[in-house]
């Protein structure tokens, strides 16, 4: 049975400029930045799905509730875009 609180998000990055520093197919510091921003909500899947640079597993059940709101889901998704 699939968990309705889990969302997989795969991202494909454009070809970087020659001066960009990439480590493991991602910009330098990207993994650390994602972990710092999303904490327990995000799990980085390794390897990513075929054809993508990054696949994230978002556990929406671990989102903290905002004051005066029922969910911070929109903030998480907007920040990922």
C-alpha atoms as a PDB file:
ATOM      1  CA  UNK A   1       0.000   0.000   0.000  1.00  0.00           C
ATOM      2  CA  UNK A   2       1.350   3.419  -0.915  1.00  0.00           C
ATOM      3  CA  UNK A   3       1.737   6.041   1.774  1.00  0.00           C
ATOM      4  CA  UNK A   4      -0.295   9.170   0.879  1.00  0.00           C
ATOM      5  CA  UNK A   5       2.106  11.279   2.967  1.00  0.00           C
ATOM      6  CA  UNK A   6       5.128  10.422   0.805  1.00  0.00           C
ATOM      7  CA  UNK A   7       5.953  12.304  -2.378  1.00  0.00           C
ATOM      8  CA  UNK A   8       8.830  11.498  -4.748  1.00  0.00           C
ATOM      9  CA  UNK A   9      10.246  14.481  -6.597  1.00  0.00           C
ATOM     10  CA  UNK A  10      12.876  13.984  -9.308  1.00  0.00           C
ATOM     11  CA  UNK A  11      14.817  16.936 -10.692  1.00  0.00           C
ATOM     12  CA  UNK A  12      16.850  17.217 -13.869  1.00  0.00           C
ATOM     13  CA  UNK A  13      19.327  20.088 -13.992  1.00  0.00           C
ATOM     14  CA  UNK A  14      20.304  22.090 -17.077  1.00  0.00           C
ATOM     15  CA  UNK A  15      23.852  21.854 -18.398  1.00  0.00           C
ATOM     16  CA  UNK A  16      25.980  23.930 -16.007  1.00  0.00           C
ATOM     17  CA  UNK A  17      28.373  26.684 -17.039  1.00  0.00           C
ATOM     18  CA  UNK A  18      32.009  25.553 -17.309  1.00  0.00           C
ATOM     19  CA  UNK A  19      32.994  27.364 -14.099  1.00  0.00           C
ATOM     20  CA  UNK A  20      30.385  25.533 -11.983  1.00  0.00           C
ATOM     21  CA  UNK A  21      31.701  23.059  -9.420  1.00  0.00           C
ATOM     22  CA  UNK A  22      29.742  19.799  -9.436  1.00  0.00           C
ATOM     23  CA  UNK A  23      30.195  16.888  -7.068  1.00  0.00           C
ATOM     24  CA  UNK A  24      28.330  13.655  -7.752  1.00  0.00           C
ATOM     25  CA  UNK A  25      26.249  15.288 -10.486  1.00  0.00           C
ATOM     26  CA  UNK A  26      24.996  18.133  -8.274  1.00  0.00           C
ATOM     27  CA  UNK A  27      26.214  21.683  -7.582  1.00  0.00           C
ATOM     28  CA  UNK A  28      28.708  21.881  -4.731  1.00  0.00           C
ATOM     29  CA  UNK A  29      26.850  22.162  -1.402  1.00  0.00           C
ATOM     30  CA  UNK A  30      23.412  21.213  -2.784  1.00  0.00           C
ATOM     31  CA  UNK A  31      22.958  18.119  -0.593  1.00  0.00           C
ATOM     32  CA  UNK A  32      23.951  19.963   2.570  1.00  0.00           C
ATOM     33  CA  UNK A  33      21.640  22.879   1.707  1.00  0.00           C
ATOM     34  CA  UNK A  34      18.673  20.537   1.156  1.00  0.00           C
ATOM     35  CA  UNK A  35      19.281  18.728   4.435  1.00  0.00           C
ATOM     36  CA  UNK A  36      19.601  22.021   6.322  1.00  0.00           C
ATOM     37  CA  UNK A  37      16.449  23.488   4.771  1.00  0.00           C
ATOM     38  CA  UNK A  38      14.145  20.474   5.006  1.00  0.00           C
ATOM     39  CA  UNK A  39      15.571  18.347   7.818  1.00  0.00           C
ATOM     40  CA  UNK A  40      13.547  15.224   8.567  1.00  0.00           C
ATOM     41  CA  UNK A  41      11.004  15.973   5.820  1.00  0.00           C
ATOM     42  CA  UNK A  42      13.390  15.094   2.982  1.00  0.00           C
ATOM     43  CA  UNK A  43      15.391  11.982   2.177  1.00  0.00           C
ATOM     44  CA  UNK A  44      17.792  12.108  -0.766  1.00  0.00           C
ATOM     45  CA  UNK A  45      17.599   8.900  -2.774  1.00  0.00           C
ATOM     46  CA  UNK A  46      20.878   7.568  -4.115  1.00  0.00           C
ATOM     47  CA  UNK A  47      20.994   6.787  -6.930  1.00  0.00           C
ATOM     48  CA  UNK A  48      18.369   9.176  -8.340  1.00  0.00           C
ATOM     49  CA  UNK A  49      15.751   7.853 -10.756  1.00  0.00           C
ATOM     50  CA  UNK A  50      17.024   7.236 -14.291  1.00  0.00           C
ATOM     51  CA  UNK A  51      17.394  10.418 -16.319  1.00  0.00           C
ATOM     52  CA  UNK A  52      17.450  12.744 -13.289  1.00  0.00           C
ATOM     53  CA  UNK A  53      20.197  14.389 -11.254  1.00  0.00           C
ATOM     54  CA  UNK A  54      18.334  14.287  -7.951  1.00  0.00           C
ATOM     55  CA  UNK A  55      15.394  12.386  -6.466  1.00  0.00           C
ATOM     56  CA  UNK A  56      13.895  13.512  -3.175  1.00  0.00           C
ATOM     57  CA  UNK A  57      11.523  11.539  -0.997  1.00  0.00           C
ATOM     58  CA  UNK A  58       9.361  14.012   0.905  1.00  0.00           C
ATOM     59  CA  UNK A  59       7.548  12.710   3.977  1.00  0.00           C
ATOM     60  CA  UNK A  60       4.711  15.211   4.321  1.00  0.00           C
ATOM     61  CA  UNK A  61       3.631  13.569   7.554  1.00  0.00           C
ATOM     62  CA  UNK A  62       6.760  15.033   9.187  1.00  0.00           C
ATOM     63  CA  UNK A  63       5.971  18.642   8.238  1.00  0.00           C
ATOM     64  CA  UNK A  64       5.785  20.935  11.261  1.00  0.00           C
ATOM     65  CA  UNK A  65       2.503  22.763  11.656  1.00  0.00           C
ATOM     66  CA  UNK A  66       2.628  26.537  11.208  1.00  0.00           C
ATOM     67  CA  UNK A  67       0.822  28.782  13.638  1.00  0.00           C
ATOM     68  CA  UNK A  68      -2.628  29.572  12.283  1.00  0.00           C
ATOM     69  CA  UNK A  69      -2.276  27.062   9.451  1.00  0.00           C
ATOM     70  CA  UNK A  70      -3.160  23.421   8.971  1.00  0.00           C
ATOM     71  CA  UNK A  71      -0.050  22.594   6.938  1.00  0.00           C
ATOM     72  CA  UNK A  72       3.255  24.019   5.733  1.00  0.00           C
ATOM     73  CA  UNK A  73       3.075  21.874   2.565  1.00  0.00           C
ATOM     74  CA  UNK A  74       2.693  24.876   0.192  1.00  0.00           C
ATOM     75  CA  UNK A  75       5.851  26.497   1.610  1.00  0.00           C
ATOM     76  CA  UNK A  76       7.885  23.322   1.110  1.00  0.00           C
ATOM     77  CA  UNK A  77       6.769  22.882  -2.487  1.00  0.00           C
ATOM     78  CA  UNK A  78       7.248  26.558  -3.409  1.00  0.00           C
ATOM     79  CA  UNK A  79      10.763  26.527  -1.938  1.00  0.00           C
ATOM     80  CA  UNK A  80      11.660  23.509  -4.058  1.00  0.00           C
ATOM     81  CA  UNK A  81      10.662  25.226  -7.306  1.00  0.00           C
END
